[in-house]
C-alpha atoms as a PDB file:
ATOM      1  CA  MET A   1      46.082 -16.568  79.545  1.00  0.00           C
ATOM      2  CA  GLN A   2      49.141 -14.736  80.516  1.00  0.00           C
ATOM      3  CA  ILE A   3      47.052 -12.394  82.470  1.00  0.00           C
ATOM      4  CA  LEU A   4      44.933 -15.013  84.121  1.00  0.00           C
ATOM      5  CA  SER A   5      48.111 -17.163  85.034  1.00  0.00           C
ATOM      6  CA  ARG A   6      50.028 -14.088  86.440  1.00  0.00           C
ATOM      7  CA  GLN A   7      47.388 -13.142  88.522  1.00  0.00           C
ATOM      8  CA  LEU A   8      46.014 -16.530  89.768  1.00  0.00           C
ATOM      9  CA  GLU A   9      49.929 -17.233  90.759  1.00  0.00           C
ATOM     10  CA  ALA A  10      49.584 -13.735  92.852  1.00  0.00           C
ATOM     11  CA  LEU A  11      46.514 -15.211  94.464  1.00  0.00           C
ATOM     12  CA  GLN A  12      48.393 -18.166  95.193  1.00  0.00           C
ATOM     13  CA  ILE A  13      46.255 -20.358  93.047  1.00  0.00           C
ATOM     14  CA  PRO A  14      47.627 -23.748  91.806  1.00  0.00           C
ATOM     15  CA  GLN A  15      47.563 -23.967  88.279  1.00  0.00           C
ATOM     16  CA  ARG A  16      48.033 -26.804  85.961  1.00  0.00           C
ATOM     17  CA  THR A  17      47.594 -27.739  82.180  1.00  0.00           C
ATOM     18  CA  VAL A  18      46.347 -31.326  81.134  1.00  0.00           C
ATOM     19  CA  PRO A  19      45.206 -32.485  78.070  1.00  0.00           C
ATOM     20  CA  ILE A  20      41.498 -33.611  78.333  1.00  0.00           C
ATOM     21  CA  THR A  21      40.516 -36.925  76.559  1.00  0.00           C
ATOM     22  CA  GLU A  22      36.859 -37.798  75.738  1.00  0.00           C
ATOM     23  CA  ASP A  23      36.885 -40.652  78.710  1.00  0.00           C
ATOM     24  CA  MET A  24      37.487 -37.754  81.442  1.00  0.00           C
ATOM     25  CA  LEU A  25      34.714 -35.932  80.502  1.00  0.00           C
ATOM     26  CA  THR A  26      31.928 -36.505  83.355  1.00  0.00           C
ATOM     27  CA  ASP A  27      29.193 -34.504  85.029  1.00  0.00           C
ATOM     28  CA  GLU A  28      31.745 -33.815  87.759  1.00  0.00           C
ATOM     29  CA  LEU A  29      34.065 -31.786  85.295  1.00  0.00           C
ATOM     30  CA  SER A  30      33.828 -28.118  84.861  1.00  0.00           C
ATOM     31  CA  ALA A  31      35.062 -26.150  82.167  1.00  0.00           C
ATOM     32  CA  VAL A  32      35.313 -22.435  80.692  1.00  0.00           C
ATOM     33  CA  VAL A  33      36.091 -20.555  77.583  1.00  0.00           C
ATOM     34  CA  MET A  34      38.435 -17.890  77.374  1.00  0.00           C
ATOM     35  CA  ASN A  35      39.791 -15.177  75.442  1.00  0.00           C
ATOM     36  CA  SER A  36      41.282 -12.013  75.227  1.00  0.00           C
ATOM     37  CA  TRP A  37      37.934 -10.405  76.162  1.00  0.00           C
ATOM     38  CA  THR A  38      36.348 -12.644  78.599  1.00  0.00           C
ATOM     39  CA  PRO A  39      38.231 -14.136  81.276  1.00  0.00           C
ATOM     40  CA  GLY A  40      35.697 -17.157  81.665  1.00  0.00           C
ATOM     41  CA  ILE A  41      32.108 -18.465  80.397  1.00  0.00           C
ATOM     42  CA  ASP A  42      30.750 -21.540  81.808  1.00  0.00           C
ATOM     43  CA  VAL A  43      30.851 -24.544  79.378  1.00  0.00           C
ATOM     44  CA  ALA A  44      27.839 -26.409  79.641  1.00  0.00           C
ATOM     45  CA  ARG A  45      28.914 -29.447  77.298  1.00  0.00           C
ATOM     46  CA  ILE A  46      31.506 -30.739  74.989  1.00  0.00           C
ATOM     47  CA  GLY A  47      29.874 -33.076  72.517  1.00  0.00           C
ATOM     48  CA  GLU A  48      27.299 -35.518  74.081  1.00  0.00           C
ATOM     49  CA  HIS A  49      28.853 -35.024  77.516  1.00  0.00           C
ATOM     50  CA  GLY A  50      27.369 -32.670  79.998  1.00  0.00           C
ATOM     51  CA  LEU A  51      29.634 -30.750  82.207  1.00  0.00           C
ATOM     52  CA  ALA A  52      29.130 -29.205  85.873  1.00  0.00           C
ATOM     53  CA  SER A  53      28.623 -25.593  86.211  1.00  0.00           C
ATOM     54  CA  SER A  54      31.021 -23.830  88.603  1.00  0.00           C
ATOM     55  CA  SER A  55      30.147 -20.306  89.467  1.00  0.00           C
ATOM     56  CA  ARG A  56      32.992 -20.500  91.807  1.00  0.00           C
ATOM     57  CA  LEU A  57      35.665 -21.169  89.197  1.00  0.00           C
ATOM     58  CA  VAL A  58      33.896 -18.523  86.843  1.00  0.00           C
ATOM     59  CA  GLU A  59      34.100 -16.165  89.787  1.00  0.00           C
ATOM     60  CA  VAL A  60      37.805 -16.932  90.562  1.00  0.00           C
ATOM     61  CA  LEU A  61      39.186 -16.324  86.864  1.00  0.00           C
ATOM     62  CA  HIS A  62      36.886 -13.083  86.593  1.00  0.00           C
ATOM     63  CA  ARG A  63      38.521 -11.791  89.975  1.00  0.00           C
ATOM     64  CA  ALA A  64      42.073 -12.559  88.906  1.00  0.00           C
ATOM     65  CA  TYR A  65      41.496 -10.792  85.536  1.00  0.00           C
ATOM     66  CA  ALA A  66      40.227  -7.930  87.265  1.00  0.00           C
ATOM     67  CA  ASN A  67      43.350  -7.821  89.444  1.00  0.00           C
ATOM     68  CA  GLU A  68      45.454  -7.013  86.374  1.00  0.00           C
ATOM     69  CA  VAL A  69      46.841  -3.285  86.602  1.00  0.00           C
ATOM     70  CA  GLY A  70      46.105  -1.766  82.891  1.00  0.00           C
ATOM     71  CA  THR A  71      48.937  -0.228  81.057  1.00  0.00           C
ATOM     72  CA  ALA A  72      48.172   2.942  78.963  1.00  0.00           C
ATOM     73  CA  LEU A  73      49.655   2.979  75.470  1.00  0.00           C
ATOM     74  CA  LEU A  74      51.295   5.689  74.353  1.00  0.00           C
ATOM     75  CA  ARG A  75      52.152   6.959  70.975  1.00  0.00           C
END
């Protein structure tokens, strides 16, 4: 998350963290799963609630992740 946060800030893309409640889950909401190996995979549904697909969101997260400069680890 720090990589994405840092790179989204550099791209001047606003960010916010908001707790999501069940009543907020609509077909207009998009979501992604992120971890240290992937910067974003579309989430189709949470429980019985279908979510909108957002290739734009995934694209922006992948671009931000790719902008991070790698650092060599030395022994």
